[in-house]
Structures are given as C-alpha cells and as structure tokens.
Amino acid sequence: LTFKSAFSDEELKIYHDAQPHLLTDVVGATYDQFTKPVDVTV
C-alpha cells in the first residue's frame, strides 16, 4: 500500500480517523503529517 491511500471516501470527503482509514492495524503504522521532501533519501 502506498502513500495517499485510504485517505478519502468515494465523495472525496477525508476520513476523520487515523490514516490510512480502516487499515492502520493491517499496516501496523499511521501518520498525521506530510511534506515535500528536500534532500531526503532512504
């Protein structure tokens, strides 16, 4: 599963719980901040 997934419903209304919606326990992680990377590597 990649970034920007399970973010909004079929009407593009953003889900109001932890992201990714309904899948946080499946992926075992969450987030609430994001940004444009500058000089970032992995």
Full PDB file with SEQRES, HELIX, SHEET, SSBOND, CRYST1, ORIGX, SCALE, CONECT and MASTER records, all heavy atoms in Angstrom:
SEQRES   1 A   42  LEU THR PHE LYS SER ALA PHE SER ASP GLU GLU LEU LYS          
SEQRES   2 A   42  ILE TYR HIS ASP ALA GLN PRO HIS LEU LEU THR ASP VAL          
SEQRES   3 A   42  VAL GLY ALA THR TYR ASP GLN PHE THR LYS PRO VAL ASP          
SEQRES   4 A   42  VAL THR VAL                                                  
HELIX    1 AA1 THR A   24  VAL A   27  1                                   4    
CRYST1    1.000    1.000    1.000  90.00  90.00  90.00 P 1           1          
ORIGX1      1.000000  0.000000  0.000000        0.00000                         
ORIGX2      0.000000  1.000000  0.000000        0.00000                         
ORIGX3      0.000000  0.000000  1.000000        0.00000                         
SCALE1      1.000000  0.000000  0.000000        0.00000                         
SCALE2      0.000000  1.000000  0.000000        0.00000                         
SCALE3      0.000000  0.000000  1.000000        0.00000                         
ATOM      1  N   LEU A   1       0.859  -1.184   0.000  1.00  0.00           N  
ATOM      2  CA  LEU A   1       0.000   0.000   0.000  1.00  0.00           C  
ATOM      3  C   LEU A   1       0.892   1.230   0.000  1.00  0.00           C  
ATOM      4  O   LEU A   1       1.848   1.306   0.777  1.00  0.00           O  
ATOM      5  CB  LEU A   1      -0.882  -0.004   1.251  1.00  0.00           C  
ATOM      6  CG  LEU A   1      -1.942   1.093   1.376  1.00  0.00           C  
ATOM      7  CD1 LEU A   1      -3.060   0.878   0.357  1.00  0.00           C  
ATOM      8  CD2 LEU A   1      -2.506   1.115   2.797  1.00  0.00           C  
ATOM      9  N   THR A   2       0.603   2.182  -0.888  1.00  0.00           N  
ATOM     10  CA  THR A   2       1.463   3.366  -0.947  1.00  0.00           C  
ATOM     11  C   THR A   2       0.790   4.575  -0.302  1.00  0.00           C  
ATOM     12  O   THR A   2      -0.393   4.552   0.029  1.00  0.00           O  
ATOM     13  CB  THR A   2       1.839   3.747  -2.392  1.00  0.00           C  
ATOM     14  OG1 THR A   2       0.786   4.541  -2.977  1.00  0.00           O  
ATOM     15  CG2 THR A   2       2.102   2.531  -3.256  1.00  0.00           C  
ATOM     16  N   PHE A   3       1.582   5.609  -0.170  1.00  0.00           N  
ATOM     17  CA  PHE A   3       1.129   6.913   0.317  1.00  0.00           C  
ATOM     18  C   PHE A   3      -0.139   7.370  -0.404  1.00  0.00           C  
ATOM     19  O   PHE A   3      -0.439   6.934  -1.505  1.00  0.00           O  
ATOM     20  CB  PHE A   3       2.235   7.950   0.136  1.00  0.00           C  
ATOM     21  CG  PHE A   3       2.685   8.139  -1.291  1.00  0.00           C  
ATOM     22  CD1 PHE A   3       2.135   9.121  -2.086  1.00  0.00           C  
ATOM     23  CD2 PHE A   3       3.658   7.317  -1.847  1.00  0.00           C  
ATOM     24  CE1 PHE A   3       2.524   9.297  -3.402  1.00  0.00           C  
ATOM     25  CE2 PHE A   3       4.065   7.482  -3.164  1.00  0.00           C  
ATOM     26  CZ  PHE A   3       3.490   8.467  -3.942  1.00  0.00           C  
ATOM     27  N   LYS A   4      -0.871   8.266   0.247  1.00  0.00           N  
ATOM     28  CA  LYS A   4      -2.103   8.846  -0.314  1.00  0.00           C  
ATOM     29  C   LYS A   4      -3.185   7.786  -0.549  1.00  0.00           C  
ATOM     30  O   LYS A   4      -4.035   7.941  -1.429  1.00  0.00           O  
ATOM     31  CB  LYS A   4      -1.820   9.588  -1.619  1.00  0.00           C  
ATOM     32  CG  LYS A   4      -1.278  11.001  -1.432  1.00  0.00           C  
ATOM     33  CD  LYS A   4      -2.366  11.946  -0.944  1.00  0.00           C  
ATOM     34  CE  LYS A   4      -1.881  13.380  -0.911  1.00  0.00           C  
ATOM     35  NZ  LYS A   4      -2.940  14.313  -0.481  1.00  0.00           N  
ATOM     36  N   SER A   5      -3.163   6.717   0.236  1.00  0.00           N  
ATOM     37  CA  SER A   5      -4.190   5.685   0.108  1.00  0.00           C  
ATOM     38  C   SER A   5      -5.123   5.715   1.309  1.00  0.00           C  
ATOM     39  O   SER A   5      -4.723   6.085   2.413  1.00  0.00           O  
ATOM     40  CB  SER A   5      -3.548   4.294   0.006  1.00  0.00           C  
ATOM     41  OG  SER A   5      -2.903   4.119  -1.234  1.00  0.00           O  
ATOM     42  N   ALA A   6      -6.379   5.304   1.073  1.00  0.00           N  
ATOM     43  CA  ALA A   6      -7.398   5.242   2.126  1.00  0.00           C  
ATOM     44  C   ALA A   6      -7.511   6.578   2.848  1.00  0.00           C  
ATOM     45  O   ALA A   6      -7.692   6.630   4.062  1.00  0.00           O  
ATOM     46  CB  ALA A   6      -7.069   4.117   3.111  1.00  0.00           C  
ATOM     47  N   PHE A   7      -7.449   7.648   2.089  1.00  0.00           N  
ATOM     48  CA  PHE A   7      -7.450   9.000   2.665  1.00  0.00           C  
ATOM     49  C   PHE A   7      -8.841   9.614   2.664  1.00  0.00           C  
ATOM     50  O   PHE A   7      -9.234  10.291   3.600  1.00  0.00           O  
ATOM     51  CB  PHE A   7      -6.476   9.883   1.876  1.00  0.00           C  
ATOM     52  CG  PHE A   7      -6.030  11.111   2.623  1.00  0.00           C  
ATOM     53  CD1 PHE A   7      -4.971  11.043   3.510  1.00  0.00           C  
ATOM     54  CD2 PHE A   7      -6.666  12.323   2.440  1.00  0.00           C  
ATOM     55  CE1 PHE A   7      -4.547  12.170   4.209  1.00  0.00           C  
ATOM     56  CE2 PHE A   7      -6.267  13.449   3.131  1.00  0.00           C  
ATOM     57  CZ  PHE A   7      -5.207  13.381   4.021  1.00  0.00           C  
ATOM     58  N   SER A   8      -9.604   9.376   1.596  1.00  0.00           N  
ATOM     59  CA  SER A   8     -10.946   9.967   1.489  1.00  0.00           C  
ATOM     60  C   SER A   8     -11.941   8.917   1.006  1.00  0.00           C  
ATOM     61  O   SER A   8     -11.550   7.882   0.454  1.00  0.00           O  
ATOM     62  CB  SER A   8     -10.933  11.166   0.532  1.00  0.00           C  
ATOM     63  OG  SER A   8     -10.741  10.729  -0.805  1.00  0.00           O  
ATOM     64  N   ASP A   9     -13.229   9.216   1.197  1.00  0.00           N  
ATOM     65  CA  ASP A   9     -14.259   8.272   0.744  1.00  0.00           C  
ATOM     66  C   ASP A   9     -14.570   8.492  -0.726  1.00  0.00           C  
ATOM     67  O   ASP A   9     -13.888   9.261  -1.419  1.00  0.00           O  
ATOM     68  CB  ASP A   9     -15.509   8.387   1.622  1.00  0.00           C  
ATOM     69  CG  ASP A   9     -16.225   9.734   1.484  1.00  0.00           C  
ATOM     70  OD1 ASP A   9     -15.936  10.493   0.519  1.00  0.00           O  
ATOM     71  OD2 ASP A   9     -17.072  10.038   2.345  1.00  0.00           O  
ATOM     72  N   GLU A  10     -15.638   7.832  -1.215  1.00  0.00           N  
ATOM     73  CA  GLU A  10     -15.958   7.911  -2.647  1.00  0.00           C  
ATOM     74  C   GLU A  10     -16.453   9.282  -3.081  1.00  0.00           C  
ATOM     75  O   GLU A  10     -16.537   9.571  -4.279  1.00  0.00           O  
ATOM     76  CB  GLU A  10     -16.965   6.827  -3.029  1.00  0.00           C  
ATOM     77  CG  GLU A  10     -18.217   6.796  -2.198  1.00  0.00           C  
ATOM     78  CD  GLU A  10     -18.121   5.890  -0.983  1.00  0.00           C  
ATOM     79  OE1 GLU A  10     -17.173   6.055  -0.194  1.00  0.00           O  
ATOM     80  OE2 GLU A  10     -19.001   5.020  -0.819  1.00  0.00           O  
ATOM     81  N   GLU A  11     -16.786  10.167  -2.123  1.00  0.00           N  
ATOM     82  CA  GLU A  11     -17.174  11.548  -2.428  1.00  0.00           C  
ATOM     83  C   GLU A  11     -16.018  12.513  -2.188  1.00  0.00           C  
ATOM     84  O   GLU A  11     -16.208  13.721  -2.173  1.00  0.00           O  
ATOM     85  CB  GLU A  11     -18.389  11.944  -1.581  1.00  0.00           C  
ATOM     86  CG  GLU A  11     -19.608  11.053  -1.768  1.00  0.00           C  
ATOM     87  CD  GLU A  11     -20.180  11.149  -3.167  1.00  0.00           C  
ATOM     88  OE1 GLU A  11     -19.978  12.196  -3.823  1.00  0.00           O  
ATOM     89  OE2 GLU A  11     -20.818  10.172  -3.616  1.00  0.00           O  
ATOM     90  N   LEU A  12     -14.824  11.979  -1.954  1.00  0.00           N  
ATOM     91  CA  LEU A  12     -13.606  12.740  -1.681  1.00  0.00           C  
ATOM     92  C   LEU A  12     -13.651  13.476  -0.343  1.00  0.00           C  
ATOM     93  O   LEU A  12     -12.905  14.431  -0.123  1.00  0.00           O  
ATOM     94  CB  LEU A  12     -13.277  13.731  -2.817  1.00  0.00           C  
ATOM     95  CG  LEU A  12     -13.069  13.122  -4.203  1.00  0.00           C  
ATOM     96  CD1 LEU A  12     -12.636  14.178  -5.205  1.00  0.00           C  
ATOM     97  CD2 LEU A  12     -12.054  11.983  -4.159  1.00  0.00           C  
ATOM     98  N   LYS A  13     -14.526  13.042   0.564  1.00  0.00           N  
ATOM     99  CA  LYS A  13     -14.532  13.571   1.922  1.00  0.00           C  
ATOM    100  C   LYS A  13     -13.469  12.826   2.720  1.00  0.00           C  
ATOM    101  O   LYS A  13     -13.462  11.593   2.772  1.00  0.00           O  
ATOM    102  CB  LYS A  13     -15.897  13.390   2.579  1.00  0.00           C  
ATOM    103  CG  LYS A  13     -15.952  13.899   4.009  1.00  0.00           C  
ATOM    104  CD  LYS A  13     -17.325  13.672   4.632  1.00  0.00           C  
ATOM    105  CE  LYS A  13     -17.352  14.163   6.076  1.00  0.00           C  
ATOM    106  NZ  LYS A  13     -18.687  13.937   6.707  1.00  0.00           N  
ATOM    107  N   ILE A  14     -12.581  13.569   3.359  1.00  0.00           N  
ATOM    108  CA  ILE A  14     -11.463  12.955   4.078  1.00  0.00           C  
ATOM    109  C   ILE A  14     -11.981  12.251   5.331  1.00  0.00           C  
ATOM    110  O   ILE A  14     -12.772  12.806   6.102  1.00  0.00           O  
ATOM    111  CB  ILE A  14     -10.414  14.025   4.444  1.00  0.00           C  
ATOM    112  CG1 ILE A  14      -9.809  14.606   3.152  1.00  0.00           C  
ATOM    113  CG2 ILE A  14      -9.319  13.425   5.318  1.00  0.00           C  
ATOM    114  CD1 ILE A  14      -8.908  15.796   3.382  1.00  0.00           C  
ATOM    115  N   TYR A  15     -11.531  11.015   5.504  1.00  0.00           N  
ATOM    116  CA  TYR A  15     -11.902  10.269   6.705  1.00  0.00           C  
ATOM    117  C   TYR A  15     -11.351  10.969   7.944  1.00  0.00           C  
ATOM    118  O   TYR A  15     -10.252  11.528   7.922  1.00  0.00           O  
ATOM    119  CB  TYR A  15     -11.369   8.836   6.617  1.00  0.00           C  
ATOM    120  CG  TYR A  15     -12.107   7.973   5.620  1.00  0.00           C  
ATOM    121  CD1 TYR A  15     -11.474   7.492   4.468  1.00  0.00           C  
ATOM    122  CD2 TYR A  15     -13.439   7.615   5.816  1.00  0.00           C  
ATOM    123  CE1 TYR A  15     -12.151   6.685   3.558  1.00  0.00           C  
ATOM    124  CE2 TYR A  15     -14.121   6.813   4.913  1.00  0.00           C  
ATOM    125  CZ  TYR A  15     -13.475   6.351   3.793  1.00  0.00           C  
ATOM    126  OH  TYR A  15     -14.151   5.550   2.883  1.00  0.00           O  
ATOM    127  N   HIS A  16     -12.109  10.915   9.035  1.00  0.00           N  
ATOM    128  CA  HIS A  16     -11.757  11.720  10.200  1.00  0.00           C  
ATOM    129  C   HIS A  16     -11.025  10.924  11.279  1.00  0.00           C  
ATOM    130  O   HIS A  16     -10.851  11.413  12.403  1.00  0.00           O  
ATOM    131  CB  HIS A  16     -13.017  12.358  10.804  1.00  0.00           C  
ATOM    132  CG  HIS A  16     -14.032  11.351  11.281  1.00  0.00           C  
ATOM    133  ND1 HIS A  16     -15.033  10.878  10.471  1.00  0.00           N  
ATOM    134  CD2 HIS A  16     -14.167  10.722  12.475  1.00  0.00           C  
ATOM    135  CE1 HIS A  16     -15.766  10.004  11.151  1.00  0.00           C  
ATOM    136  NE2 HIS A  16     -15.267   9.890  12.369  1.00  0.00           N  
ATOM    137  N   ASP A  17     -10.591   9.689  10.968  1.00  0.00           N  
ATOM    138  CA  ASP A  17      -9.809   8.935  11.945  1.00  0.00           C  
ATOM    139  C   ASP A  17      -8.375   8.785  11.442  1.00  0.00           C  
ATOM    140  O   ASP A  17      -7.968   9.436  10.482  1.00  0.00           O  
ATOM    141  CB  ASP A  17     -10.463   7.575  12.194  1.00  0.00           C  
ATOM    142  CG  ASP A  17     -10.579   6.749  10.917  1.00  0.00           C  
ATOM    143  OD1 ASP A  17     -10.450   7.343   9.824  1.00  0.00           O  
ATOM    144  OD2 ASP A  17     -10.790   5.529  11.005  1.00  0.00           O  
ATOM    145  N   ALA A  18      -7.598   7.940  12.130  1.00  0.00           N  
ATOM    146  CA  ALA A  18      -6.190   7.787  11.790  1.00  0.00           C  
ATOM    147  C   ALA A  18      -6.026   7.231  10.376  1.00  0.00           C  
ATOM    148  O   ALA A  18      -6.782   6.364   9.935  1.00  0.00           O  
ATOM    149  CB  ALA A  18      -5.507   6.868  12.797  1.00  0.00           C  
ATOM    150  N   GLN A  19      -5.031   7.753   9.682  1.00  0.00           N  
ATOM    151  CA  GLN A  19      -4.731   7.311   8.328  1.00  0.00           C  
ATOM    152  C   GLN A  19      -3.707   6.177   8.361  1.00  0.00           C  
ATOM    153  O   GLN A  19      -2.819   6.180   9.206  1.00  0.00           O  
ATOM    154  CB  GLN A  19      -4.185   8.478   7.502  1.00  0.00           C  
ATOM    155  CG  GLN A  19      -5.080   9.683   7.433  1.00  0.00           C  
ATOM    156  CD  GLN A  19      -6.335   9.449   6.605  1.00  0.00           C  
ATOM    157  OE1 GLN A  19      -6.447   8.434   5.912  1.00  0.00           O  
ATOM    158  NE2 GLN A  19      -7.268  10.373   6.669  1.00  0.00           N  
ATOM    159  N   PRO A  20      -3.787   5.225   7.428  1.00  0.00           N  
ATOM    160  CA  PRO A  20      -4.809   5.043   6.397  1.00  0.00           C  
ATOM    161  C   PRO A  20      -6.083   4.427   6.976  1.00  0.00           C  
ATOM    162  O   PRO A  20      -6.017   3.468   7.736  1.00  0.00           O  
ATOM    163  CB  PRO A  20      -4.141   4.100   5.396  1.00  0.00           C  
ATOM    164  CG  PRO A  20      -3.154   3.319   6.216  1.00  0.00           C  
ATOM    165  CD  PRO A  20      -2.686   4.247   7.292  1.00  0.00           C  
ATOM    166  N   HIS A  21      -7.211   4.968   6.616  1.00  0.00           N  
ATOM    167  CA  HIS A  21      -8.508   4.613   7.183  1.00  0.00           C  
ATOM    168  C   HIS A  21      -8.777   3.108   7.100  1.00  0.00           C  
ATOM    169  O   HIS A  21      -8.608   2.488   6.048  1.00  0.00           O  
ATOM    170  CB  HIS A  21      -9.604   5.379   6.448  1.00  0.00           C  
ATOM    171  CG  HIS A  21     -10.995   5.094   6.935  1.00  0.00           C  
ATOM    172  ND1 HIS A  21     -11.395   5.372   8.223  1.00  0.00           N  
ATOM    173  CD2 HIS A  21     -12.070   4.545   6.313  1.00  0.00           C  
ATOM    174  CE1 HIS A  21     -12.667   5.030   8.369  1.00  0.00           C  
ATOM    175  NE2 HIS A  21     -13.096   4.519   7.225  1.00  0.00           N  
ATOM    176  N   LEU A  22      -9.157   2.523   8.224  1.00  0.00           N  
ATOM    177  CA  LEU A  22      -9.503   1.108   8.368  1.00  0.00           C  
ATOM    178  C   LEU A  22      -8.328   0.158   8.146  1.00  0.00           C  
ATOM    179  O   LEU A  22      -8.502  -1.060   8.227  1.00  0.00           O  
ATOM    180  CB  LEU A  22     -10.641   0.702   7.415  1.00  0.00           C  
ATOM    181  CG  LEU A  22     -12.027   1.276   7.698  1.00  0.00           C  
ATOM    182  CD1 LEU A  22     -13.037   0.673   6.730  1.00  0.00           C  
ATOM    183  CD2 LEU A  22     -12.460   1.015   9.141  1.00  0.00           C  
ATOM    184  N   LEU A  23      -7.150   0.696   7.893  1.00  0.00           N  
ATOM    185  CA  LEU A  23      -6.017  -0.181   7.584  1.00  0.00           C  
ATOM    186  C   LEU A  23      -4.819   0.043   8.500  1.00  0.00           C  
ATOM    187  O   LEU A  23      -3.760  -0.548   8.276  1.00  0.00           O  
ATOM    188  CB  LEU A  23      -5.581   0.012   6.118  1.00  0.00           C  
ATOM    189  CG  LEU A  23      -6.602  -0.373   5.040  1.00  0.00           C  
ATOM    190  CD1 LEU A  23      -6.075  -0.043   3.656  1.00  0.00           C  
ATOM    191  CD2 LEU A  23      -6.988  -1.847   5.133  1.00  0.00           C  
ATOM    192  N   THR A  24      -4.959   0.885   9.512  1.00  0.00           N  
ATOM    193  CA  THR A  24      -3.806   1.157  10.384  1.00  0.00           C  
ATOM    194  C   THR A  24      -3.321  -0.107  11.084  1.00  0.00           C  
ATOM    195  O   THR A  24      -2.117  -0.306  11.251  1.00  0.00           O  
ATOM    196  CB  THR A  24      -4.150   2.230  11.425  1.00  0.00           C  
ATOM    197  OG1 THR A  24      -5.345   1.846  12.128  1.00  0.00           O  
ATOM    198  CG2 THR A  24      -4.378   3.577  10.760  1.00  0.00           C  
ATOM    199  N   ASP A  25      -4.253  -0.977  11.495  1.00  0.00           N  
ATOM    200  CA  ASP A  25      -3.828  -2.208  12.166  1.00  0.00           C  
ATOM    201  C   ASP A  25      -3.251  -3.203  11.168  1.00  0.00           C  
ATOM    202  O   ASP A  25      -2.397  -4.028  11.523  1.00  0.00           O  
ATOM    203  CB  ASP A  25      -4.991  -2.832  12.932  1.00  0.00           C  
ATOM    204  CG  ASP A  25      -6.182  -3.155  12.045  1.00  0.00           C  
ATOM    205  OD1 ASP A  25      -6.387  -2.448  11.040  1.00  0.00           O  
ATOM    206  OD2 ASP A  25      -6.929  -4.112  12.347  1.00  0.00           O  
ATOM    207  N   VAL A  26      -3.705  -3.136   9.920  1.00  0.00           N  
ATOM    208  CA  VAL A  26      -3.179  -4.042   8.890  1.00  0.00           C  
ATOM    209  C   VAL A  26      -1.723  -3.700   8.580  1.00  0.00           C  
ATOM    210  O   VAL A  26      -0.860  -4.583   8.500  1.00  0.00           O  
ATOM    211  CB  VAL A  26      -4.031  -3.972   7.606  1.00  0.00           C  
ATOM    212  CG1 VAL A  26      -3.432  -4.858   6.518  1.00  0.00           C  
ATOM    213  CG2 VAL A  26      -5.460  -4.391   7.903  1.00  0.00           C  
ATOM    214  N   VAL A  27      -1.434  -2.403   8.383  1.00  0.00           N  
ATOM    215  CA  VAL A  27      -0.060  -1.993   8.078  1.00  0.00           C  
ATOM    216  C   VAL A  27       0.761  -1.783   9.352  1.00  0.00           C  
ATOM    217  O   VAL A  27       1.994  -1.678   9.282  1.00  0.00           O  
ATOM    218  CB  VAL A  27      -0.030  -0.718   7.204  1.00  0.00           C  
ATOM    219  CG1 VAL A  27      -0.744  -0.953   5.895  1.00  0.00           C  
ATOM    220  CG2 VAL A  27      -0.620   0.478   7.938  1.00  0.00           C  
ATOM    221  N   GLY A  28       0.090  -1.684  10.512  1.00  0.00           N  
ATOM    222  CA  GLY A  28       0.801  -1.522  11.776  1.00  0.00           C  
ATOM    223  C   GLY A  28       1.459  -0.176  11.940  1.00  0.00           C  
ATOM    224  O   GLY A  28       2.456  -0.038  12.663  1.00  0.00           O  
ATOM    225  N   ALA A  29       0.906   0.851  11.293  1.00  0.00           N  
ATOM    226  CA  ALA A  29       1.507   2.184  11.347  1.00  0.00           C  
ATOM    227  C   ALA A  29       0.452   3.228  11.008  1.00  0.00           C  
ATOM    228  O   ALA A  29      -0.619   2.907  10.477  1.00  0.00           O  
ATOM    229  CB  ALA A  29       2.688   2.285  10.380  1.00  0.00           C  
ATOM    230  N   THR A  30       0.786   4.485  11.300  1.00  0.00           N  
ATOM    231  CA  THR A  30      -0.101   5.592  10.960  1.00  0.00           C  
ATOM    232  C   THR A  30       0.735   6.857  10.762  1.00  0.00           C  
ATOM    233  O   THR A  30       1.964   6.840  10.935  1.00  0.00           O  
ATOM    234  CB  THR A  30      -1.163   5.806  12.058  1.00  0.00           C  
ATOM    235  OG1 THR A  30      -2.104   6.789  11.617  1.00  0.00           O  
ATOM    236  CG2 THR A  30      -0.527   6.284  13.358  1.00  0.00           C  
ATOM    237  N   TYR A  31       0.063   7.947  10.401  1.00  0.00           N  
ATOM    238  CA  TYR A  31       0.737   9.238  10.231  1.00  0.00           C  
ATOM    239  C   TYR A  31      -0.304  10.334  10.301  1.00  0.00           C  
ATOM    240  O   TYR A  31      -1.502  10.102  10.084  1.00  0.00           O  
ATOM    241  CB  TYR A  31       1.484   9.299   8.897  1.00  0.00           C  
ATOM    242  CG  TYR A  31       0.565   9.325   7.693  1.00  0.00           C  
ATOM    243  CD1 TYR A  31       0.166  10.531   7.116  1.00  0.00           C  
ATOM    244  CD2 TYR A  31       0.064   8.150   7.142  1.00  0.00           C  
ATOM    245  CE1 TYR A  31      -0.705  10.559   6.029  1.00  0.00           C  
ATOM    246  CE2 TYR A  31      -0.794   8.162   6.070  1.00  0.00           C  
ATOM    247  CZ  TYR A  31      -1.178   9.373   5.513  1.00  0.00           C  
ATOM    248  OH  TYR A  31      -2.048   9.394   4.455  1.00  0.00           O  
ATOM    249  N   ASP A  32       0.128  11.547  10.608  1.00  0.00           N  
ATOM    250  CA  ASP A  32      -0.778  12.696  10.542  1.00  0.00           C  
ATOM    251  C   ASP A  32      -0.083  13.935   9.988  1.00  0.00           C  
ATOM    252  O   ASP A  32      -0.662  15.017   9.944  1.00  0.00           O  
ATOM    253  CB  ASP A  32      -1.399  13.005  11.911  1.00  0.00           C  
ATOM    254  CG  ASP A  32      -0.362  13.255  12.994  1.00  0.00           C  
ATOM    255  OD1 ASP A  32       0.777  13.642  12.664  1.00  0.00           O  
ATOM    256  OD2 ASP A  32      -0.698  13.055  14.172  1.00  0.00           O  
ATOM    257  N   GLN A  33       1.182  13.758   9.559  1.00  0.00           N  
ATOM    258  CA  GLN A  33       1.918  14.863   8.953  1.00  0.00           C  
ATOM    259  C   GLN A  33       2.571  14.385   7.655  1.00  0.00           C  
ATOM    260  O   GLN A  33       2.910  13.210   7.502  1.00  0.00           O  
ATOM    261  CB  GLN A  33       3.000  15.394   9.897  1.00  0.00           C  
ATOM    262  CG  GLN A  33       2.449  16.132  11.113  1.00  0.00           C  
ATOM    263  CD  GLN A  33       3.567  16.696  11.963  1.00  0.00           C  
ATOM    264  OE1 GLN A  33       4.527  16.002  12.297  1.00  0.00           O  
ATOM    265  NE2 GLN A  33       3.455  17.965  12.309  1.00  0.00           N  
ATOM    266  N   PHE A  34       2.730  15.331   6.736  1.00  0.00           N  
ATOM    267  CA  PHE A  34       3.378  15.035   5.462  1.00  0.00           C  
ATOM    268  C   PHE A  34       3.980  16.322   4.935  1.00  0.00           C  
ATOM    269  O   PHE A  34       3.593  17.419   5.345  1.00  0.00           O  
ATOM    270  CB  PHE A  34       2.380  14.455   4.449  1.00  0.00           C  
ATOM    271  CG  PHE A  34       0.990  15.045   4.545  1.00  0.00           C  
ATOM    272  CD1 PHE A  34       0.683  16.255   3.963  1.00  0.00           C  
ATOM    273  CD2 PHE A  34      -0.003  14.367   5.241  1.00  0.00           C  
ATOM    274  CE1 PHE A  34      -0.590  16.791   4.063  1.00  0.00           C  
ATOM    275  CE2 PHE A  34      -1.286  14.885   5.340  1.00  0.00           C  
ATOM    276  CZ  PHE A  34      -1.584  16.102   4.758  1.00  0.00           C  
ATOM    277  N   THR A  35       4.935  16.195   4.012  1.00  0.00           N  
ATOM    278  CA  THR A  35       5.603  17.380   3.496  1.00  0.00           C  
ATOM    279  C   THR A  35       6.239  17.078   2.146  1.00  0.00           C  
ATOM    280  O   THR A  35       6.244  15.932   1.681  1.00  0.00           O  
ATOM    281  CB  THR A  35       6.684  17.873   4.485  1.00  0.00           C  
ATOM    282  OG1 THR A  35       7.154  19.170   4.082  1.00  0.00           O  
ATOM    283  CG2 THR A  35       7.869  16.920   4.533  1.00  0.00           C  
ATOM    284  N   LYS A  36       6.767  18.117   1.519  1.00  0.00           N  
ATOM    285  CA  LYS A  36       7.539  17.964   0.290  1.00  0.00           C  
ATOM    286  C   LYS A  36       8.986  17.696   0.669  1.00  0.00           C  
ATOM    287  O   LYS A  36       9.612  18.501   1.367  1.00  0.00           O  
ATOM    288  CB  LYS A  36       7.446  19.227  -0.567  1.00  0.00           C  
ATOM    289  CG  LYS A  36       8.273  19.167  -1.844  1.00  0.00           C  
ATOM    290  CD  LYS A  36       8.182  20.474  -2.626  1.00  0.00           C  
ATOM    291  CE  LYS A  36       9.052  20.438  -3.884  1.00  0.00           C  
ATOM    292  NZ  LYS A  36       8.973  21.708  -4.644  1.00  0.00           N  
ATOM    293  N   PRO A  37       9.554  16.578   0.247  1.00  0.00           N  
ATOM    294  CA  PRO A  37      10.925  16.251   0.638  1.00  0.00           C  
ATOM    295  C   PRO A  37      11.959  17.115  -0.079  1.00  0.00           C  
ATOM    296  O   PRO A  37      11.838  17.387  -1.274  1.00  0.00           O  
ATOM    297  CB  PRO A  37      11.067  14.786   0.237  1.00  0.00           C  
ATOM    298  CG  PRO A  37      10.060  14.588  -0.847  1.00  0.00           C  
ATOM    299  CD  PRO A  37       8.920  15.516  -0.554  1.00  0.00           C  
ATOM    300  N   VAL A  38      12.958  17.540   0.653  1.00  0.00           N  
ATOM    301  CA  VAL A  38      14.100  18.272   0.108  1.00  0.00           C  
ATOM    302  C   VAL A  38      15.361  17.594   0.641  1.00  0.00           C  
ATOM    303  O   VAL A  38      15.568  17.517   1.856  1.00  0.00           O  
ATOM    304  CB  VAL A  38      14.081  19.753   0.511  1.00  0.00           C  
ATOM    305  CG1 VAL A  38      15.323  20.467  -0.032  1.00  0.00           C  
ATOM    306  CG2 VAL A  38      12.815  20.439   0.013  1.00  0.00           C  
ATOM    307  N   ASP A  39      16.175  17.085  -0.273  1.00  0.00           N  
ATOM    308  CA  ASP A  39      17.411  16.383   0.102  1.00  0.00           C  
ATOM    309  C   ASP A  39      17.127  15.229   1.058  1.00  0.00           C  
ATOM    310  O   ASP A  39      17.765  15.087   2.113  1.00  0.00           O  
ATOM    311  CB  ASP A  39      18.425  17.354   0.721  1.00  0.00           C  
ATOM    312  CG  ASP A  39      18.856  18.439  -0.240  1.00  0.00           C  
ATOM    313  OD1 ASP A  39      18.929  18.155  -1.446  1.00  0.00           O  
ATOM    314  OD2 ASP A  39      19.101  19.573   0.209  1.00  0.00           O  
ATOM    315  N   VAL A  40      16.164  14.392   0.690  1.00  0.00           N  
ATOM    316  CA  VAL A  40      15.780  13.252   1.507  1.00  0.00           C  
ATOM    317  C   VAL A  40      16.083  11.965   0.745  1.00  0.00           C  
ATOM    318  O   VAL A  40      15.806  11.866  -0.452  1.00  0.00           O  
ATOM    319  CB  VAL A  40      14.280  13.295   1.872  1.00  0.00           C  
ATOM    320  CG1 VAL A  40      13.898  12.073   2.711  1.00  0.00           C  
ATOM    321  CG2 VAL A  40      13.945  14.574   2.620  1.00  0.00           C  
ATOM    322  N   THR A  41      16.644  10.995   1.444  1.00  0.00           N  
ATOM    323  CA  THR A  41      16.878   9.676   0.866  1.00  0.00           C  
ATOM    324  C   THR A  41      16.398   8.613   1.845  1.00  0.00           C  
ATOM    325  O   THR A  41      16.161   8.891   3.026  1.00  0.00           O  
ATOM    326  CB  THR A  41      18.368   9.433   0.558  1.00  0.00           C  
ATOM    327  OG1 THR A  41      19.126   9.516   1.769  1.00  0.00           O  
ATOM    328  CG2 THR A  41      18.893  10.460  -0.446  1.00  0.00           C  
ATOM    329  N   VAL A  42      16.265   7.400   1.326  1.00  0.00           N  
ATOM    330  CA  VAL A  42      16.041   6.235   2.179  1.00  0.00           C  
ATOM    331  C   VAL A  42      17.081   5.198   1.797  1.00  0.00           C  
ATOM    332  O   VAL A  42      17.576   5.161   0.663  1.00  0.00           O  
ATOM    333  CB  VAL A  42      14.620   5.656   2.035  1.00  0.00           C  
ATOM    334  CG1 VAL A  42      13.573   6.679   2.409  1.00  0.00           C  
ATOM    335  CG2 VAL A  42      14.375   5.129   0.622  1.00  0.00           C  
TER     336      VAL A  42                                                      
MASTER        0    0    0    1    0    0    0    6  335    1    0    4          
END                                                                             
